[in-house]
């Protein structure tokens, strides 16, 4: 039985809790958040004890692993704390705020020989698993280019304020959603980034993070990718297109996969929409902990995502 702790009791912690409860080889024994009431809500229905200090939690519990759901600027510090005590870490994306921070986390994992994985959960969507098959089998021919448009009222009152602080979040809409976009691109294609061009700004608020941005990537194999993000007061939109020599794959809202072959009308793919993506993510993390072959996202991969985002931010920030 693997003994888990959750550090950070935000919305996403509920999904991790559900995955842990559904796995017979795991037990949630501790939940930590600086707001005790939030930790208590996640611990409800389990035997987990509640803490407001992750160091006190570690000293009091015999932990095998922790899942970290924290503001981005804390990822490095808290990950290294647990890695140095040989407690496996699954940290939510983005891995950290900079390549330098990622390197420190990787070094701690290697030095202590302790597993470290990054929570890029959208790769477990059935839409992207199926898309990966289409690309590998060249079902629609050769991949030519990819586009994604992600529009959302990003600065709404429900968003925690740390998301709007550059030092804490690492960036705005690009840091938050761009990490997902790059993961989906890298996961499905296996391509490498050769060049990055980006522009962005914030004409909406006085916060020091971008509200809008566009990014263009040149990839290996002559493939290109373009992303548009708008966090202003606009209707929500989440559309991803992969264009091939013999067709198009359109992913709507991250979940629905629609396919057009040789100019035909789009047809909706038959996918399992009931699958909880946090379940396979946990299963792969457990394999990593047991030294088995695993699809868990490596810290080196997480670092590459941050590297591309850093290159984009250098241009966005001038």
C-alpha atoms as a PDB file:
ATOM      1  CA  UNK A   1       0.000   0.000   0.000  1.00  0.00           C
ATOM      2  CA  UNK A   2       1.441   3.362  -1.091  1.00  0.00           C
ATOM      3  CA  UNK A   3       0.888   6.138   1.438  1.00  0.00           C
ATOM      4  CA  UNK A   4       0.082   9.464  -0.248  1.00  0.00           C
ATOM      5  CA  UNK A   5      -0.139  13.047   0.881  1.00  0.00           C
ATOM      6  CA  UNK A   6      -1.741  15.910  -1.019  1.00  0.00           C
ATOM      7  CA  UNK A   7      -0.208  19.372  -0.645  1.00  0.00           C
ATOM      8  CA  UNK A   8      -2.477  22.153  -1.853  1.00  0.00           C
ATOM      9  CA  UNK A   9      -6.238  21.682  -1.535  1.00  0.00           C
ATOM     10  CA  UNK A  10      -7.447  23.638  -4.538  1.00  0.00           C
ATOM     11  CA  UNK A  11      -9.995  22.463  -7.098  1.00  0.00           C
ATOM     12  CA  UNK A  12      -7.668  19.995  -8.804  1.00  0.00           C
ATOM     13  CA  UNK A  13      -6.983  18.204  -5.505  1.00  0.00           C
ATOM     14  CA  UNK A  14     -10.489  16.746  -5.659  1.00  0.00           C
ATOM     15  CA  UNK A  15      -9.606  14.899  -8.867  1.00  0.00           C
ATOM     16  CA  UNK A  16      -6.415  13.490  -7.353  1.00  0.00           C
ATOM     17  CA  UNK A  17      -8.326  12.401  -4.263  1.00  0.00           C
ATOM     18  CA  UNK A  18     -10.876  10.581  -6.411  1.00  0.00           C
ATOM     19  CA  UNK A  19      -8.130   8.744  -8.301  1.00  0.00           C
ATOM     20  CA  UNK A  20      -6.404   7.720  -5.064  1.00  0.00           C
ATOM     21  CA  UNK A  21      -9.648   6.454  -3.550  1.00  0.00           C
ATOM     22  CA  UNK A  22     -10.302   4.353  -6.619  1.00  0.00           C
ATOM     23  CA  UNK A  23      -6.915   2.618  -6.513  1.00  0.00           C
ATOM     24  CA  UNK A  24      -6.644  -0.299  -4.085  1.00  0.00           C
ATOM     25  CA  UNK A  25      -2.871   0.067  -3.829  1.00  0.00           C
ATOM     26  CA  UNK A  26      -3.054   3.658  -2.551  1.00  0.00           C
ATOM     27  CA  UNK A  27      -4.108   5.341   0.656  1.00  0.00           C
ATOM     28  CA  UNK A  28      -4.531   9.068   1.216  1.00  0.00           C
ATOM     29  CA  UNK A  29      -3.140   9.589   4.703  1.00  0.00           C
ATOM     30  CA  UNK A  30      -2.571  13.360   4.826  1.00  0.00           C
ATOM     31  CA  UNK A  31      -3.790  16.604   3.259  1.00  0.00           C
ATOM     32  CA  UNK A  32      -2.032  19.935   3.670  1.00  0.00           C
ATOM     33  CA  UNK A  33      -3.118  23.478   2.876  1.00  0.00           C
ATOM     34  CA  UNK A  34      -2.391  26.802   4.572  1.00  0.00           C
ATOM     35  CA  UNK A  35      -6.184  27.147   4.872  1.00  0.00           C
ATOM     36  CA  UNK A  36      -7.223  24.345   7.211  1.00  0.00           C
ATOM     37  CA  UNK A  37     -10.857  24.378   6.067  1.00  0.00           C
ATOM     38  CA  UNK A  38      -9.827  23.629   2.489  1.00  0.00           C
ATOM     39  CA  UNK A  39      -7.650  20.723   3.598  1.00  0.00           C
ATOM     40  CA  UNK A  40     -10.510  19.397   5.704  1.00  0.00           C
ATOM     41  CA  UNK A  41     -12.806  19.419   2.678  1.00  0.00           C
ATOM     42  CA  UNK A  42     -10.388  17.250   0.684  1.00  0.00           C
ATOM     43  CA  UNK A  43      -9.787  14.939   3.656  1.00  0.00           C
ATOM     44  CA  UNK A  44     -13.525  14.457   4.198  1.00  0.00           C
ATOM     45  CA  UNK A  45     -14.595  10.850   3.712  1.00  0.00           C
ATOM     46  CA  UNK A  46     -11.054   9.515   4.224  1.00  0.00           C
ATOM     47  CA  UNK A  47      -8.832   8.757   7.211  1.00  0.00           C
ATOM     48  CA  UNK A  48      -6.383  11.462   6.126  1.00  0.00           C
ATOM     49  CA  UNK A  49      -5.085  13.830   8.776  1.00  0.00           C
ATOM     50  CA  UNK A  50      -5.061  17.566   8.085  1.00  0.00           C
ATOM     51  CA  UNK A  51      -2.034  19.879   8.228  1.00  0.00           C
ATOM     52  CA  UNK A  52      -1.328  23.513   7.451  1.00  0.00           C
ATOM     53  CA  UNK A  53       2.467  23.068   7.091  1.00  0.00           C
ATOM     54  CA  UNK A  54       3.877  20.504   4.667  1.00  0.00           C
ATOM     55  CA  UNK A  55       7.069  20.136   6.717  1.00  0.00           C
ATOM     56  CA  UNK A  56       5.079  19.257   9.825  1.00  0.00           C
ATOM     57  CA  UNK A  57       3.085  16.799   7.706  1.00  0.00           C
ATOM     58  CA  UNK A  58       6.236  15.106   6.460  1.00  0.00           C
ATOM     59  CA  UNK A  59       7.694  14.812   9.950  1.00  0.00           C
ATOM     60  CA  UNK A  60       4.495  13.330  11.362  1.00  0.00           C
ATOM     61  CA  UNK A  61       3.628  10.894   8.573  1.00  0.00           C
ATOM     62  CA  UNK A  62       5.340   7.959   6.876  1.00  0.00           C
ATOM     63  CA  UNK A  63       4.800   9.110   3.298  1.00  0.00           C
ATOM     64  CA  UNK A  64       5.725   7.229   0.139  1.00  0.00           C
ATOM     65  CA  UNK A  65       4.620   9.979  -2.232  1.00  0.00           C
ATOM     66  CA  UNK A  66       3.052  13.420  -2.439  1.00  0.00           C
ATOM     67  CA  UNK A  67       0.910  15.149  -5.049  1.00  0.00           C
ATOM     68  CA  UNK A  68       1.600  18.875  -5.236  1.00  0.00           C
ATOM     69  CA  UNK A  69      -1.133  21.312  -6.319  1.00  0.00           C
ATOM     70  CA  UNK A  70       0.520  24.623  -5.536  1.00  0.00           C
ATOM     71  CA  UNK A  71       1.126  28.073  -7.015  1.00  0.00           C
ATOM     72  CA  UNK A  72       3.809  27.649  -9.659  1.00  0.00           C
ATOM     73  CA  UNK A  73       6.515  29.536  -7.791  1.00  0.00           C
ATOM     74  CA  UNK A  74       6.393  26.950  -4.984  1.00  0.00           C
ATOM     75  CA  UNK A  75       6.895  23.902  -7.206  1.00  0.00           C
ATOM     76  CA  UNK A  76      10.677  23.934  -7.018  1.00  0.00           C
ATOM     77  CA  UNK A  77      10.989  24.534  -3.257  1.00  0.00           C
ATOM     78  CA  UNK A  78       8.380  22.007  -2.148  1.00  0.00           C
ATOM     79  CA  UNK A  79       9.343  19.337  -4.703  1.00  0.00           C
ATOM     80  CA  UNK A  80      12.980  19.447  -3.645  1.00  0.00           C
ATOM     81  CA  UNK A  81      12.016  19.305   0.037  1.00  0.00           C
ATOM     82  CA  UNK A  82      10.252  15.978  -0.462  1.00  0.00           C
ATOM     83  CA  UNK A  83      12.745  14.577  -2.980  1.00  0.00           C
ATOM     84  CA  UNK A  84      15.594  15.171  -0.535  1.00  0.00           C
ATOM     85  CA  UNK A  85      13.658  12.993   1.929  1.00  0.00           C
ATOM     86  CA  UNK A  86      13.204  10.335  -0.755  1.00  0.00           C
ATOM     87  CA  UNK A  87       9.470  10.855  -1.055  1.00  0.00           C
ATOM     88  CA  UNK A  88       8.238  10.515  -4.647  1.00  0.00           C
ATOM     89  CA  UNK A  89       6.651  13.630  -6.160  1.00  0.00           C
ATOM     90  CA  UNK A  90       3.893  14.154  -8.722  1.00  0.00           C
ATOM     91  CA  UNK A  91       3.743  17.904  -9.303  1.00  0.00           C
ATOM     92  CA  UNK A  92       1.044  19.650 -11.315  1.00  0.00           C
ATOM     93  CA  UNK A  93       1.932  21.392 -14.557  1.00  0.00           C
ATOM     94  CA  UNK A  94       3.649  23.638 -15.385  1.00  0.00           C
ATOM     95  CA  UNK A  95       6.708  22.012 -13.852  1.00  0.00           C
ATOM     96  CA  UNK A  96       8.105  25.333 -12.594  1.00  0.00           C
ATOM     97  CA  UNK A  97       8.474  28.993 -13.555  1.00  0.00           C
ATOM     98  CA  UNK A  98      11.853  28.672 -15.270  1.00  0.00           C
ATOM     99  CA  UNK A  99      14.288  26.219 -16.801  1.00  0.00           C
ATOM    100  CA  UNK A 100      16.675  27.003 -13.948  1.00  0.00           C
ATOM    101  CA  UNK A 101      14.080  25.849 -11.414  1.00  0.00           C
ATOM    102  CA  UNK A 102      13.380  22.721 -13.469  1.00  0.00           C
ATOM    103  CA  UNK A 103      17.085  21.879 -13.521  1.00  0.00           C
ATOM    104  CA  UNK A 104      17.263  22.104  -9.724  1.00  0.00           C
ATOM    105  CA  UNK A 105      14.305  19.731  -9.403  1.00  0.00           C
ATOM    106  CA  UNK A 106      15.827  17.268 -11.875  1.00  0.00           C
ATOM    107  CA  UNK A 107      19.138  17.355  -9.992  1.00  0.00           C
ATOM    108  CA  UNK A 108      17.385  16.608  -6.681  1.00  0.00           C
ATOM    109  CA  UNK A 109      15.534  13.666  -8.234  1.00  0.00           C
ATOM    110  CA  UNK A 110      18.697  12.209  -9.731  1.00  0.00           C
ATOM    111  CA  UNK A 111      20.808  12.783  -6.621  1.00  0.00           C
ATOM    112  CA  UNK A 112      18.362  10.988  -4.350  1.00  0.00           C
ATOM    113  CA  UNK A 113      17.187   8.477  -6.993  1.00  0.00           C
ATOM    114  CA  UNK A 114      13.614   9.477  -6.140  1.00  0.00           C
ATOM    115  CA  UNK A 115      10.821   9.532  -8.756  1.00  0.00           C
ATOM    116  CA  UNK A 116       9.595  12.903  -9.989  1.00  0.00           C
ATOM    117  CA  UNK A 117       6.737  13.211 -12.502  1.00  0.00           C
ATOM    118  CA  UNK A 118       4.807  16.145 -13.982  1.00  0.00           C
ATOM    119  CA  UNK A 119       1.012  16.280 -14.099  1.00  0.00           C
ATOM    120  CA  UNK A 120       0.300  16.931 -17.775  1.00  0.00           C
ATOM    121  CA  UNK A 121      -3.080  15.231 -17.557  1.00  0.00           C
ATOM    122  CA  UNK A 122      -4.643  16.200 -20.895  1.00  0.00           C
ATOM    123  CA  UNK A 123      -2.529  13.634 -22.757  1.00  0.00           C
ATOM    124  CA  UNK A 124      -4.790  11.039 -21.154  1.00  0.00           C
ATOM    125  CA  UNK A 125      -7.873  12.411 -22.920  1.00  0.00           C
ATOM    126  CA  UNK A 126      -9.178   9.803 -25.337  1.00  0.00           C
ATOM    127  CA  UNK A 127      -9.288  12.481 -28.053  1.00  0.00           C
ATOM    128  CA  UNK A 128      -5.527  12.927 -27.963  1.00  0.00           C
ATOM    129  CA  UNK A 129      -4.786   9.204 -27.559  1.00  0.00           C
ATOM    130  CA  UNK A 130      -6.772   8.606 -30.744  1.00  0.00           C
ATOM    131  CA  UNK A 131      -5.152  11.556 -32.512  1.00  0.00           C
ATOM    132  CA  UNK A 132      -1.725  10.174 -31.684  1.00  0.00           C
ATOM    133  CA  UNK A 133      -2.697   6.927 -33.423  1.00  0.00           C
ATOM    134  CA  UNK A 134      -3.903   8.827 -36.487  1.00  0.00           C
ATOM    135  CA  UNK A 135      -0.583  10.667 -36.724  1.00  0.00           C
ATOM    136  CA  UNK A 136       1.589   7.586 -36.179  1.00  0.00           C
ATOM    137  CA  UNK A 137      -0.384   5.526 -38.718  1.00  0.00           C
ATOM    138  CA  UNK A 138      -0.616   8.416 -41.202  1.00  0.00           C
ATOM    139  CA  UNK A 139      -4.339   7.687 -41.471  1.00  0.00           C
ATOM    140  CA  UNK A 140      -4.932  11.199 -42.810  1.00  0.00           C
ATOM    141  CA  UNK A 141      -1.592  11.436 -44.575  1.00  0.00           C
ATOM    142  CA  UNK A 142       1.367  13.444 -43.354  1.00  0.00           C
ATOM    143  CA  UNK A 143       0.954  16.117 -40.693  1.00  0.00           C
ATOM    144  CA  UNK A 144       1.450  19.630 -42.066  1.00  0.00           C
ATOM    145  CA  UNK A 145       0.488  22.056 -39.314  1.00  0.00           C
ATOM    146  CA  UNK A 146      -1.429  22.539 -36.065  1.00  0.00           C
ATOM    147  CA  UNK A 147      -3.414  25.460 -34.682  1.00  0.00           C
ATOM    148  CA  UNK A 148      -5.127  26.129 -31.361  1.00  0.00           C
ATOM    149  CA  UNK A 149      -7.396  28.964 -30.240  1.00  0.00           C
ATOM    150  CA  UNK A 150      -8.076  29.262 -26.512  1.00  0.00           C
ATOM    151  CA  UNK A 151     -10.283  32.156 -25.412  1.00  0.00           C
ATOM    152  CA  UNK A 152     -11.605  32.571 -21.876  1.00  0.00           C
ATOM    153  CA  UNK A 153     -12.480  35.376 -19.444  1.00  0.00           C
ATOM    154  CA  UNK A 154      -9.155  34.806 -17.697  1.00  0.00           C
ATOM    155  CA  UNK A 155      -9.241  37.665 -15.180  1.00  0.00           C
ATOM    156  CA  UNK A 156     -12.591  36.780 -13.634  1.00  0.00           C
ATOM    157  CA  UNK A 157     -13.120  37.166  -9.891  1.00  0.00           C
ATOM    158  CA  UNK A 158     -13.077  33.404  -9.248  1.00  0.00           C
ATOM    159  CA  UNK A 159      -9.462  32.997 -10.359  1.00  0.00           C
ATOM    160  CA  UNK A 160      -6.997  32.952  -7.425  1.00  0.00           C
ATOM    161  CA  UNK A 161      -5.028  36.208  -7.414  1.00  0.00           C
ATOM    162  CA  UNK A 162      -1.641  34.530  -7.558  1.00  0.00           C
ATOM    163  CA  UNK A 163      -2.433  33.519 -11.165  1.00  0.00           C
ATOM    164  CA  UNK A 164      -2.243  37.221 -12.071  1.00  0.00           C
ATOM    165  CA  UNK A 165       1.171  37.833 -10.535  1.00  0.00           C
ATOM    166  CA  UNK A 166       4.174  37.252 -12.803  1.00  0.00           C
ATOM    167  CA  UNK A 167       6.542  36.317  -9.980  1.00  0.00           C
ATOM    168  CA  UNK A 168       4.149  33.733  -8.579  1.00  0.00           C
ATOM    169  CA  UNK A 169       2.548  32.312 -11.730  1.00  0.00           C
ATOM    170  CA  UNK A 170       5.414  32.732 -14.182  1.00  0.00           C
ATOM    171  CA  UNK A 171       3.036  34.305 -16.696  1.00  0.00           C
ATOM    172  CA  UNK A 172      -0.631  34.680 -17.515  1.00  0.00           C
ATOM    173  CA  UNK A 173      -2.827  32.861 -19.994  1.00  0.00           C
ATOM    174  CA  UNK A 174       0.178  31.532 -21.920  1.00  0.00           C
ATOM    175  CA  UNK A 175       1.793  29.960 -18.861  1.00  0.00           C
ATOM    176  CA  UNK A 176      -1.436  28.339 -17.752  1.00  0.00           C
ATOM    177  CA  UNK A 177      -2.865  27.113 -21.052  1.00  0.00           C
ATOM    178  CA  UNK A 178       0.292  27.126 -23.156  1.00  0.00           C
ATOM    179  CA  UNK A 179       1.731  24.311 -21.056  1.00  0.00           C
ATOM    180  CA  UNK A 180      -1.296  22.199 -22.042  1.00  0.00           C
ATOM    181  CA  UNK A 181      -1.012  23.141 -25.717  1.00  0.00           C
ATOM    182  CA  UNK A 182       2.665  22.236 -25.918  1.00  0.00           C
ATOM    183  CA  UNK A 183       2.152  18.961 -24.107  1.00  0.00           C
ATOM    184  CA  UNK A 184      -0.605  17.914 -26.514  1.00  0.00           C
ATOM    185  CA  UNK A 185       1.579  18.898 -29.473  1.00  0.00           C
ATOM    186  CA  UNK A 186       4.681  17.097 -28.209  1.00  0.00           C
ATOM    187  CA  UNK A 187       2.772  14.031 -27.006  1.00  0.00           C
ATOM    188  CA  UNK A 188       0.876  13.434 -30.240  1.00  0.00           C
ATOM    189  CA  UNK A 189       3.657  14.266 -32.712  1.00  0.00           C
ATOM    190  CA  UNK A 190       6.998  13.692 -30.980  1.00  0.00           C
ATOM    191  CA  UNK A 191       8.340  16.702 -32.884  1.00  0.00           C
ATOM    192  CA  UNK A 192      10.982  19.148 -31.664  1.00  0.00           C
ATOM    193  CA  UNK A 193      10.792  22.944 -31.672  1.00  0.00           C
ATOM    194  CA  UNK A 194      13.278  24.637 -33.988  1.00  0.00           C
ATOM    195  CA  UNK A 195      12.191  28.263 -33.558  1.00  0.00           C
ATOM    196  CA  UNK A 196       9.727  30.351 -31.549  1.00  0.00           C
ATOM    197  CA  UNK A 197       8.074  33.650 -32.486  1.00  0.00           C
ATOM    198  CA  UNK A 198       5.665  35.316 -30.066  1.00  0.00           C
ATOM    199  CA  UNK A 199       3.848  38.530 -29.254  1.00  0.00           C
ATOM    200  CA  UNK A 200       1.510  39.426 -26.419  1.00  0.00           C
ATOM    201  CA  UNK A 201       0.236  42.166 -24.139  1.00  0.00           C
ATOM    202  CA  UNK A 202      -2.251  43.132 -21.452  1.00  0.00           C
ATOM    203  CA  UNK A 203      -4.543  45.991 -22.428  1.00  0.00           C
ATOM    204  CA  UNK A 204      -7.255  44.810 -20.050  1.00  0.00           C
ATOM    205  CA  UNK A 205      -5.884  45.142 -16.508  1.00  0.00           C
ATOM    206  CA  UNK A 206      -2.935  46.475 -14.511  1.00  0.00           C
ATOM    207  CA  UNK A 207      -1.737  42.951 -13.664  1.00  0.00           C
ATOM    208  CA  UNK A 208       1.798  42.153 -14.799  1.00  0.00           C
ATOM    209  CA  UNK A 209       0.860  39.054 -16.813  1.00  0.00           C
ATOM    210  CA  UNK A 210      -0.222  38.829 -20.456  1.00  0.00           C
ATOM    211  CA  UNK A 211      -3.918  38.810 -21.320  1.00  0.00           C
ATOM    212  CA  UNK A 212      -3.506  38.024 -25.017  1.00  0.00           C
ATOM    213  CA  UNK A 213      -0.786  36.355 -27.041  1.00  0.00           C
ATOM    214  CA  UNK A 214       0.034  34.605 -30.281  1.00  0.00           C
ATOM    215  CA  UNK A 215       2.823  32.085 -30.699  1.00  0.00           C
ATOM    216  CA  UNK A 216       4.247  30.556 -33.862  1.00  0.00           C
ATOM    217  CA  UNK A 217       6.507  27.510 -33.830  1.00  0.00           C
ATOM    218  CA  UNK A 218       8.630  25.938 -36.544  1.00  0.00           C
ATOM    219  CA  UNK A 219       8.978  22.243 -35.789  1.00  0.00           C
ATOM    220  CA  UNK A 220      11.143  19.423 -37.035  1.00  0.00           C
ATOM    221  CA  UNK A 221      10.001  17.803 -40.271  1.00  0.00           C
ATOM    222  CA  UNK A 222       8.805  21.102 -41.717  1.00  0.00           C
ATOM    223  CA  UNK A 223       5.678  21.138 -39.544  1.00  0.00           C
ATOM    224  CA  UNK A 224       4.447  24.426 -38.040  1.00  0.00           C
ATOM    225  CA  UNK A 225       2.113  25.354 -35.183  1.00  0.00           C
ATOM    226  CA  UNK A 226       0.264  28.554 -34.259  1.00  0.00           C
ATOM    227  CA  UNK A 227      -1.505  29.318 -30.972  1.00  0.00           C
ATOM    228  CA  UNK A 228      -3.839  32.208 -30.156  1.00  0.00           C
ATOM    229  CA  UNK A 229      -4.837  32.986 -26.561  1.00  0.00           C
ATOM    230  CA  UNK A 230      -7.277  35.705 -25.496  1.00  0.00           C
ATOM    231  CA  UNK A 231      -8.088  36.220 -21.818  1.00  0.00           C
ATOM    232  CA  UNK A 232     -10.234  39.322 -22.250  1.00  0.00           C
ATOM    233  CA  UNK A 233     -14.001  39.624 -21.840  1.00  0.00           C
ATOM    234  CA  UNK A 234     -14.777  37.300 -24.737  1.00  0.00           C
ATOM    235  CA  UNK A 235     -16.891  34.168 -25.263  1.00  0.00           C
ATOM    236  CA  UNK A 236     -15.118  30.920 -24.406  1.00  0.00           C
ATOM    237  CA  UNK A 237     -13.526  29.066 -27.309  1.00  0.00           C
ATOM    238  CA  UNK A 238     -11.300  26.009 -27.287  1.00  0.00           C
ATOM    239  CA  UNK A 239     -10.553  24.609 -30.738  1.00  0.00           C
ATOM    240  CA  UNK A 240      -7.542  22.617 -31.883  1.00  0.00           C
ATOM    241  CA  UNK A 241      -6.913  21.639 -35.505  1.00  0.00           C
ATOM    242  CA  UNK A 242      -4.328  19.252 -36.927  1.00  0.00           C
ATOM    243  CA  UNK A 243      -4.054  19.575 -40.723  1.00  0.00           C
ATOM    244  CA  UNK A 244      -2.776  16.662 -42.799  1.00  0.00           C
ATOM    245  CA  UNK A 245      -2.173  16.086 -46.499  1.00  0.00           C
ATOM    246  CA  UNK A 246      -5.391  14.042 -46.700  1.00  0.00           C
ATOM    247  CA  UNK A 247      -7.632  15.444 -44.024  1.00  0.00           C
ATOM    248  CA  UNK A 248      -8.200  17.401 -40.822  1.00  0.00           C
ATOM    249  CA  UNK A 249      -8.633  16.454 -37.167  1.00  0.00           C
ATOM    250  CA  UNK A 250     -10.582  18.952 -35.064  1.00  0.00           C
ATOM    251  CA  UNK A 251     -10.650  18.627 -31.293  1.00  0.00           C
ATOM    252  CA  UNK A 252     -13.443  20.619 -29.682  1.00  0.00           C
ATOM    253  CA  UNK A 253     -13.134  21.629 -26.066  1.00  0.00           C
ATOM    254  CA  UNK A 254     -10.243  19.231 -25.605  1.00  0.00           C
ATOM    255  CA  UNK A 255     -12.555  16.222 -25.595  1.00  0.00           C
ATOM    256  CA  UNK A 256     -14.477  15.726 -28.831  1.00  0.00           C
ATOM    257  CA  UNK A 257     -12.537  14.501 -31.867  1.00  0.00           C
ATOM    258  CA  UNK A 258     -14.013  15.276 -35.306  1.00  0.00           C
ATOM    259  CA  UNK A 259     -12.357  13.946 -38.454  1.00  0.00           C
ATOM    260  CA  UNK A 260     -12.592  14.992 -42.096  1.00  0.00           C
ATOM    261  CA  UNK A 261     -11.014  12.763 -44.747  1.00  0.00           C
ATOM    262  CA  UNK A 262     -10.177  14.203 -48.167  1.00  0.00           C
ATOM    263  CA  UNK A 263     -12.592  17.114 -47.877  1.00  0.00           C
ATOM    264  CA  UNK A 264     -15.549  15.137 -46.553  1.00  0.00           C
ATOM    265  CA  UNK A 265     -17.913  16.397 -43.855  1.00  0.00           C
ATOM    266  CA  UNK A 266     -16.528  16.158 -40.328  1.00  0.00           C
ATOM    267  CA  UNK A 267     -17.497  12.955 -38.529  1.00  0.00           C
ATOM    268  CA  UNK A 268     -17.414  12.630 -34.745  1.00  0.00           C
ATOM    269  CA  UNK A 269     -15.089   9.866 -33.501  1.00  0.00           C
ATOM    270  CA  UNK A 270     -16.499   7.303 -31.081  1.00  0.00           C
ATOM    271  CA  UNK A 271     -14.568   7.900 -27.848  1.00  0.00           C
ATOM    272  CA  UNK A 272     -14.933   6.968 -24.195  1.00  0.00           C
ATOM    273  CA  UNK A 273     -15.809  10.322 -22.625  1.00  0.00           C
ATOM    274  CA  UNK A 274     -16.464   8.769 -19.220  1.00  0.00           C
ATOM    275  CA  UNK A 275     -12.825   7.918 -18.583  1.00  0.00           C
ATOM    276  CA  UNK A 276     -11.284   9.798 -15.656  1.00  0.00           C
ATOM    277  CA  UNK A 277      -7.905  11.021 -16.913  1.00  0.00           C
ATOM    278  CA  UNK A 278      -6.493  11.267 -13.388  1.00  0.00           C
ATOM    279  CA  UNK A 279      -6.833   7.488 -13.016  1.00  0.00           C
ATOM    280  CA  UNK A 280      -4.316   6.495 -15.739  1.00  0.00           C
ATOM    281  CA  UNK A 281      -2.032   9.337 -14.667  1.00  0.00           C
ATOM    282  CA  UNK A 282      -1.892   7.882 -11.149  1.00  0.00           C
ATOM    283  CA  UNK A 283      -1.403   4.368 -12.513  1.00  0.00           C
ATOM    284  CA  UNK A 284       1.605   5.470 -14.561  1.00  0.00           C
ATOM    285  CA  UNK A 285       3.053   7.315 -11.558  1.00  0.00           C
ATOM    286  CA  UNK A 286       2.755   4.148  -9.475  1.00  0.00           C
ATOM    287  CA  UNK A 287       4.621   2.201 -12.161  1.00  0.00           C
ATOM    288  CA  UNK A 288       7.360   4.822 -12.030  1.00  0.00           C
ATOM    289  CA  UNK A 289       7.566   4.460  -8.255  1.00  0.00           C
ATOM    290  CA  UNK A 290       7.883   0.676  -8.632  1.00  0.00           C
ATOM    291  CA  UNK A 291      10.664   0.969 -11.203  1.00  0.00           C
ATOM    292  CA  UNK A 292       8.494  -0.362 -14.031  1.00  0.00           C
ATOM    293  CA  UNK A 293       8.204   0.925 -17.575  1.00  0.00           C
ATOM    294  CA  UNK A 294       5.934   3.949 -17.354  1.00  0.00           C
ATOM    295  CA  UNK A 295       4.302   6.672 -19.431  1.00  0.00           C
ATOM    296  CA  UNK A 296       4.519   9.124 -16.549  1.00  0.00           C
ATOM    297  CA  UNK A 297       5.690  12.543 -17.748  1.00  0.00           C
ATOM    298  CA  UNK A 298       9.398  12.880 -17.023  1.00  0.00           C
ATOM    299  CA  UNK A 299      10.895  16.041 -15.531  1.00  0.00           C
ATOM    300  CA  UNK A 300      13.099  16.357 -18.620  1.00  0.00           C
ATOM    301  CA  UNK A 301       9.941  16.548 -20.711  1.00  0.00           C
ATOM    302  CA  UNK A 302       8.413  19.067 -18.310  1.00  0.00           C
ATOM    303  CA  UNK A 303      11.587  21.122 -18.641  1.00  0.00           C
ATOM    304  CA  UNK A 304      11.279  21.198 -22.435  1.00  0.00           C
ATOM    305  CA  UNK A 305       7.761  22.628 -22.144  1.00  0.00           C
ATOM    306  CA  UNK A 306       9.064  25.380 -19.843  1.00  0.00           C
ATOM    307  CA  UNK A 307      11.999  26.027 -22.185  1.00  0.00           C
ATOM    308  CA  UNK A 308       9.649  26.796 -25.088  1.00  0.00           C
ATOM    309  CA  UNK A 309       7.450  28.990 -22.875  1.00  0.00           C
ATOM    310  CA  UNK A 310      10.520  30.895 -21.674  1.00  0.00           C
ATOM    311  CA  UNK A 311      11.536  31.567 -25.273  1.00  0.00           C
ATOM    312  CA  UNK A 312       8.046  32.877 -25.996  1.00  0.00           C
ATOM    313  CA  UNK A 313       7.981  35.098 -22.897  1.00  0.00           C
ATOM    314  CA  UNK A 314      11.301  36.723 -23.821  1.00  0.00           C
ATOM    315  CA  UNK A 315       9.568  38.086 -26.931  1.00  0.00           C
ATOM    316  CA  UNK A 316       6.207  38.819 -25.320  1.00  0.00           C
ATOM    317  CA  UNK A 317       7.893  40.874 -22.594  1.00  0.00           C
ATOM    318  CA  UNK A 318      10.201  42.606 -25.061  1.00  0.00           C
END
